[in-house]
Amino acid sequence: MKTDYRRKFLKNIFMGGAALSLAPKMIAGPRAYAGVGKSHLKLSCNIYSFNDPLRKSEMTLEEVFKFCSDIGFAAVDPTGYYFPGYPAVPADEYVYEIKKKAFLMGLDISGTGVRTDFSNPDAGKRAADVELVRQWVEVAAKMDAPVLRVFAGKGYLRETQKPK
């Protein structure tokens, strides 16, 4: 009889210990993932946000960069049509000067963009836009911009081939 009592006692001790070891996990619930390291997300300002002051020559690209740096942006996206002579590709000296100004203000260049219309039914205009993109890919590379934005187009009605 003593043997049965001992077996039950040992079994209860073992089961109780196992149950107690799970209790903290059951009480605490699921843990949030803490992650490893910092986020790599950076806030960037698309320079089109300053379209009016830039078009009216009330601000320069350098002044826009300074503003963006002062309020804490990590990067800027200088759209191609704010470069002198757009859509022509600017001189390398100008491109490198823009890159240097951004760098000295603590800003990365997150991208740039060009105005295109790849939905245009005119094959010649679409080919010209492809060439424009090819040229501006080179400009983006010189600025270390990882992105070149393009527009798909306005859209055209198939029947009339006129813009919607």
C-alpha atoms as a PDB file:
ATOM      1  CA  MET A   1       0.000   0.000   0.000  1.00  0.00           C
ATOM      2  CA  LYS A   2       2.857   2.311   0.775  1.00  0.00           C
ATOM      3  CA  THR A   3       4.154   1.831  -2.764  1.00  0.00           C
ATOM      4  CA  ASP A   4       0.884   3.047  -4.314  1.00  0.00           C
ATOM      5  CA  TYR A   5       0.922   6.076  -2.061  1.00  0.00           C
ATOM      6  CA  ARG A   6       4.512   6.890  -3.036  1.00  0.00           C
ATOM      7  CA  ARG A   7       3.747   6.509  -6.749  1.00  0.00           C
ATOM      8  CA  LYS A   8       0.714   8.805  -6.524  1.00  0.00           C
ATOM      9  CA  PHE A   9       2.697  11.300  -4.481  1.00  0.00           C
ATOM     10  CA  LEU A  10       5.583  11.356  -7.010  1.00  0.00           C
ATOM     11  CA  LYS A  11       3.140  11.548  -9.927  1.00  0.00           C
ATOM     12  CA  ASN A  12       1.326  14.512  -8.341  1.00  0.00           C
ATOM     13  CA  ILE A  13       4.595  16.287  -7.568  1.00  0.00           C
ATOM     14  CA  PHE A  14       5.762  15.796 -11.175  1.00  0.00           C
ATOM     15  CA  MET A  15       2.440  16.955 -12.687  1.00  0.00           C
ATOM     16  CA  GLY A  16       2.206  19.893 -10.307  1.00  0.00           C
ATOM     17  CA  GLY A  17       5.738  20.986 -11.160  1.00  0.00           C
ATOM     18  CA  ALA A  18       5.006  20.771 -14.876  1.00  0.00           C
ATOM     19  CA  ALA A  19       1.828  22.809 -14.447  1.00  0.00           C
ATOM     20  CA  LEU A  20       3.642  25.442 -12.393  1.00  0.00           C
ATOM     21  CA  SER A  21       6.356  25.773 -15.027  1.00  0.00           C
ATOM     22  CA  LEU A  22       3.691  26.724 -17.608  1.00  0.00           C
ATOM     23  CA  ALA A  23       1.878  29.183 -15.336  1.00  0.00           C
ATOM     24  CA  PRO A  24       4.090  32.249 -16.002  1.00  0.00           C
ATOM     25  CA  LYS A  25       3.673  31.813 -19.754  1.00  0.00           C
ATOM     26  CA  MET A  26      -0.083  31.466 -19.449  1.00  0.00           C
ATOM     27  CA  ILE A  27      -0.376  34.487 -17.178  1.00  0.00           C
ATOM     28  CA  ALA A  28       1.931  36.723 -19.224  1.00  0.00           C
ATOM     29  CA  GLY A  29       0.225  35.955 -22.522  1.00  0.00           C
ATOM     30  CA  PRO A  30       1.920  36.338 -25.900  1.00  0.00           C
ATOM     31  CA  ARG A  31       4.993  38.556 -25.967  1.00  0.00           C
ATOM     32  CA  ALA A  32       5.346  41.373 -28.462  1.00  0.00           C
ATOM     33  CA  TYR A  33       8.227  40.971 -30.882  1.00  0.00           C
ATOM     34  CA  ALA A  34      10.931  43.378 -29.786  1.00  0.00           C
ATOM     35  CA  GLY A  35      12.765  43.274 -33.105  1.00  0.00           C
ATOM     36  CA  VAL A  36      16.446  43.568 -33.693  1.00  0.00           C
ATOM     37  CA  GLY A  37      18.009  46.942 -34.362  1.00  0.00           C
ATOM     38  CA  LYS A  38      16.545  50.193 -35.570  1.00  0.00           C
ATOM     39  CA  SER A  39      14.032  50.789 -38.315  1.00  0.00           C
ATOM     40  CA  HIS A  40      15.498  51.640 -41.705  1.00  0.00           C
ATOM     41  CA  LEU A  41      12.480  53.725 -42.674  1.00  0.00           C
ATOM     42  CA  LYS A  42      13.470  57.280 -43.648  1.00  0.00           C
ATOM     43  CA  LEU A  43      11.201  60.251 -44.142  1.00  0.00           C
ATOM     44  CA  SER A  44      11.746  61.969 -47.497  1.00  0.00           C
ATOM     45  CA  CYS A  45      10.265  65.118 -49.005  1.00  0.00           C
ATOM     46  CA  ASN A  46       9.262  65.158 -52.657  1.00  0.00           C
ATOM     47  CA  ILE A  47      10.321  68.577 -53.917  1.00  0.00           C
ATOM     48  CA  TYR A  48       7.045  68.879 -55.852  1.00  0.00           C
ATOM     49  CA  SER A  49       5.660  69.909 -52.454  1.00  0.00           C
ATOM     50  CA  PHE A  50       7.352  73.252 -53.186  1.00  0.00           C
ATOM     51  CA  ASN A  51       6.098  73.507 -56.779  1.00  0.00           C
ATOM     52  CA  ASP A  52       4.616  77.015 -56.510  1.00  0.00           C
ATOM     53  CA  PRO A  53       7.568  78.729 -54.796  1.00  0.00           C
ATOM     54  CA  LEU A  54      10.036  76.974 -57.115  1.00  0.00           C
ATOM     55  CA  ARG A  55       8.091  77.840 -60.295  1.00  0.00           C
ATOM     56  CA  LYS A  56       7.695  81.464 -59.162  1.00  0.00           C
ATOM     57  CA  SER A  57      11.432  81.633 -58.290  1.00  0.00           C
ATOM     58  CA  GLU A  58      10.515  82.460 -54.694  1.00  0.00           C
ATOM     59  CA  MET A  59      12.775  79.608 -53.523  1.00  0.00           C
ATOM     60  CA  THR A  60      15.780  77.770 -54.906  1.00  0.00           C
ATOM     61  CA  LEU A  61      16.442  74.044 -54.645  1.00  0.00           C
ATOM     62  CA  GLU A  62      19.131  74.826 -52.081  1.00  0.00           C
ATOM     63  CA  GLU A  63      16.616  76.743 -49.925  1.00  0.00           C
ATOM     64  CA  VAL A  64      14.162  73.858 -50.162  1.00  0.00           C
ATOM     65  CA  PHE A  65      16.924  71.438 -49.116  1.00  0.00           C
ATOM     66  CA  LYS A  66      17.769  73.679 -46.149  1.00  0.00           C
ATOM     67  CA  PHE A  67      14.119  73.795 -45.077  1.00  0.00           C
ATOM     68  CA  CYS A  68      13.828  70.004 -45.355  1.00  0.00           C
ATOM     69  CA  SER A  69      17.015  69.518 -43.359  1.00  0.00           C
ATOM     70  CA  ASP A  70      15.926  71.994 -40.670  1.00  0.00           C
ATOM     71  CA  ILE A  71      12.609  70.254 -40.021  1.00  0.00           C
ATOM     72  CA  GLY A  72      14.150  66.792 -39.862  1.00  0.00           C
ATOM     73  CA  PHE A  73      13.680  65.053 -43.197  1.00  0.00           C
ATOM     74  CA  ALA A  74      16.245  62.327 -43.844  1.00  0.00           C
ATOM     75  CA  ALA A  75      16.096  62.680 -47.625  1.00  0.00           C
ATOM     76  CA  VAL A  76      14.777  64.699 -50.556  1.00  0.00           C
ATOM     77  CA  ASP A  77      13.393  63.736 -53.959  1.00  0.00           C
ATOM     78  CA  PRO A  78      14.313  66.528 -56.393  1.00  0.00           C
ATOM     79  CA  THR A  79      12.011  66.070 -59.376  1.00  0.00           C
ATOM     80  CA  GLY A  80      13.721  66.553 -62.741  1.00  0.00           C
ATOM     81  CA  TYR A  81      11.583  69.460 -63.885  1.00  0.00           C
ATOM     82  CA  TYR A  82      13.150  71.743 -61.273  1.00  0.00           C
ATOM     83  CA  PHE A  83      16.558  71.306 -62.877  1.00  0.00           C
ATOM     84  CA  PRO A  84      17.630  74.031 -65.327  1.00  0.00           C
ATOM     85  CA  GLY A  85      16.867  73.198 -68.956  1.00  0.00           C
ATOM     86  CA  TYR A  86      14.527  70.280 -68.197  1.00  0.00           C
ATOM     87  CA  PRO A  87      13.774  67.974 -70.023  1.00  0.00           C
ATOM     88  CA  ALA A  88      17.373  68.232 -71.203  1.00  0.00           C
ATOM     89  CA  VAL A  89      19.828  66.461 -68.923  1.00  0.00           C
ATOM     90  CA  PRO A  90      21.694  68.940 -66.700  1.00  0.00           C
ATOM     91  CA  ALA A  91      25.473  69.199 -66.809  1.00  0.00           C
ATOM     92  CA  ASP A  92      27.350  66.767 -64.578  1.00  0.00           C
ATOM     93  CA  GLU A  93      28.736  69.696 -62.575  1.00  0.00           C
ATOM     94  CA  TYR A  94      25.207  70.786 -61.648  1.00  0.00           C
ATOM     95  CA  VAL A  95      24.115  67.243 -60.762  1.00  0.00           C
ATOM     96  CA  TYR A  96      27.142  66.750 -58.503  1.00  0.00           C
ATOM     97  CA  GLU A  97      26.613  70.187 -56.934  1.00  0.00           C
ATOM     98  CA  ILE A  98      23.008  69.251 -56.037  1.00  0.00           C
ATOM     99  CA  LYS A  99      24.228  65.967 -54.585  1.00  0.00           C
ATOM    100  CA  LYS A 100      26.923  67.775 -52.571  1.00  0.00           C
ATOM    101  CA  LYS A 101      24.482  70.388 -51.212  1.00  0.00           C
ATOM    102  CA  ALA A 102      22.096  67.679 -50.060  1.00  0.00           C
ATOM    103  CA  PHE A 103      24.946  65.739 -48.445  1.00  0.00           C
ATOM    104  CA  LEU A 104      26.305  68.777 -46.592  1.00  0.00           C
ATOM    105  CA  MET A 105      22.827  69.381 -45.157  1.00  0.00           C
ATOM    106  CA  GLY A 106      22.609  65.778 -43.964  1.00  0.00           C
ATOM    107  CA  LEU A 107      20.123  64.706 -46.635  1.00  0.00           C
ATOM    108  CA  ASP A 108      20.111  61.626 -48.827  1.00  0.00           C
ATOM    109  CA  ILE A 109      18.597  61.788 -52.291  1.00  0.00           C
ATOM    110  CA  SER A 110      15.795  59.243 -52.206  1.00  0.00           C
ATOM    111  CA  GLY A 111      14.815  59.533 -55.855  1.00  0.00           C
ATOM    112  CA  THR A 112      13.961  61.807 -58.723  1.00  0.00           C
ATOM    113  CA  GLY A 113      11.309  61.819 -61.399  1.00  0.00           C
ATOM    114  CA  VAL A 114      10.490  62.835 -64.952  1.00  0.00           C
ATOM    115  CA  ARG A 115       7.206  63.648 -66.678  1.00  0.00           C
ATOM    116  CA  THR A 116       6.240  60.962 -69.217  1.00  0.00           C
ATOM    117  CA  ASP A 117       3.113  59.723 -70.982  1.00  0.00           C
ATOM    118  CA  PHE A 118       3.468  56.075 -71.976  1.00  0.00           C
ATOM    119  CA  SER A 119      -0.231  55.784 -72.808  1.00  0.00           C
ATOM    120  CA  ASN A 120       0.084  58.241 -75.704  1.00  0.00           C
ATOM    121  CA  PRO A 121      -1.033  56.529 -78.945  1.00  0.00           C
ATOM    122  CA  ASP A 122       1.718  58.361 -80.882  1.00  0.00           C
ATOM    123  CA  ALA A 123       4.575  55.845 -81.115  1.00  0.00           C
ATOM    124  CA  GLY A 124       7.102  58.630 -81.711  1.00  0.00           C
ATOM    125  CA  LYS A 125       6.151  60.399 -78.473  1.00  0.00           C
ATOM    126  CA  ARG A 126       6.335  57.143 -76.526  1.00  0.00           C
ATOM    127  CA  ALA A 127       9.787  56.465 -77.988  1.00  0.00           C
ATOM    128  CA  ALA A 128      10.879  59.979 -76.976  1.00  0.00           C
ATOM    129  CA  ASP A 129       9.696  59.286 -73.426  1.00  0.00           C
ATOM    130  CA  VAL A 130      11.664  56.027 -73.352  1.00  0.00           C
ATOM    131  CA  GLU A 131      14.757  57.995 -74.387  1.00  0.00           C
ATOM    132  CA  LEU A 132      14.029  60.648 -71.734  1.00  0.00           C
ATOM    133  CA  VAL A 133      13.854  57.945 -69.060  1.00  0.00           C
ATOM    134  CA  ARG A 134      17.087  56.362 -70.329  1.00  0.00           C
ATOM    135  CA  GLN A 135      18.896  59.707 -70.031  1.00  0.00           C
ATOM    136  CA  TRP A 136      17.482  60.494 -66.600  1.00  0.00           C
ATOM    137  CA  VAL A 137      18.404  57.046 -65.258  1.00  0.00           C
ATOM    138  CA  GLU A 138      21.984  58.234 -65.732  1.00  0.00           C
ATOM    139  CA  VAL A 139      21.258  61.475 -63.839  1.00  0.00           C
ATOM    140  CA  ALA A 140      19.634  59.513 -61.007  1.00  0.00           C
ATOM    141  CA  ALA A 141      22.665  57.222 -60.821  1.00  0.00           C
ATOM    142  CA  LYS A 142      25.026  60.207 -60.572  1.00  0.00           C
ATOM    143  CA  MET A 143      23.004  61.518 -57.621  1.00  0.00           C
ATOM    144  CA  ASP A 144      22.929  58.028 -56.030  1.00  0.00           C
ATOM    145  CA  ALA A 145      19.133  58.171 -56.250  1.00  0.00           C
ATOM    146  CA  PRO A 146      17.810  54.608 -56.061  1.00  0.00           C
ATOM    147  CA  VAL A 147      14.486  55.496 -57.721  1.00  0.00           C
ATOM    148  CA  LEU A 148      13.388  57.261 -60.904  1.00  0.00           C
ATOM    149  CA  ARG A 149       9.641  57.946 -60.986  1.00  0.00           C
ATOM    150  CA  VAL A 150       7.816  58.064 -64.306  1.00  0.00           C
ATOM    151  CA  PHE A 151       4.180  58.693 -65.191  1.00  0.00           C
ATOM    152  CA  ALA A 152       2.172  55.986 -66.935  1.00  0.00           C
ATOM    153  CA  GLY A 153       0.163  58.631 -68.757  1.00  0.00           C
ATOM    154  CA  LYS A 154      -3.153  60.401 -68.956  1.00  0.00           C
ATOM    155  CA  GLY A 155      -4.997  57.550 -70.575  1.00  0.00           C
ATOM    156  CA  TYR A 156      -6.550  57.674 -74.030  1.00  0.00           C
ATOM    157  CA  LEU A 157      -9.851  56.415 -75.349  1.00  0.00           C
ATOM    158  CA  ARG A 158      -9.167  53.600 -77.789  1.00  0.00           C
ATOM    159  CA  GLU A 159     -11.924  54.685 -80.180  1.00  0.00           C
ATOM    160  CA  THR A 160     -10.814  58.286 -80.535  1.00  0.00           C
ATOM    161  CA  GLN A 161      -7.195  58.144 -79.378  1.00  0.00           C
ATOM    162  CA  LYS A 162      -7.806  61.451 -77.636  1.00  0.00           C
ATOM    163  CA  PRO A 163      -6.989  62.116 -73.996  1.00  0.00           C
ATOM    164  CA  LYS A 164      -9.774  61.254 -71.565  1.00  0.00           C
END
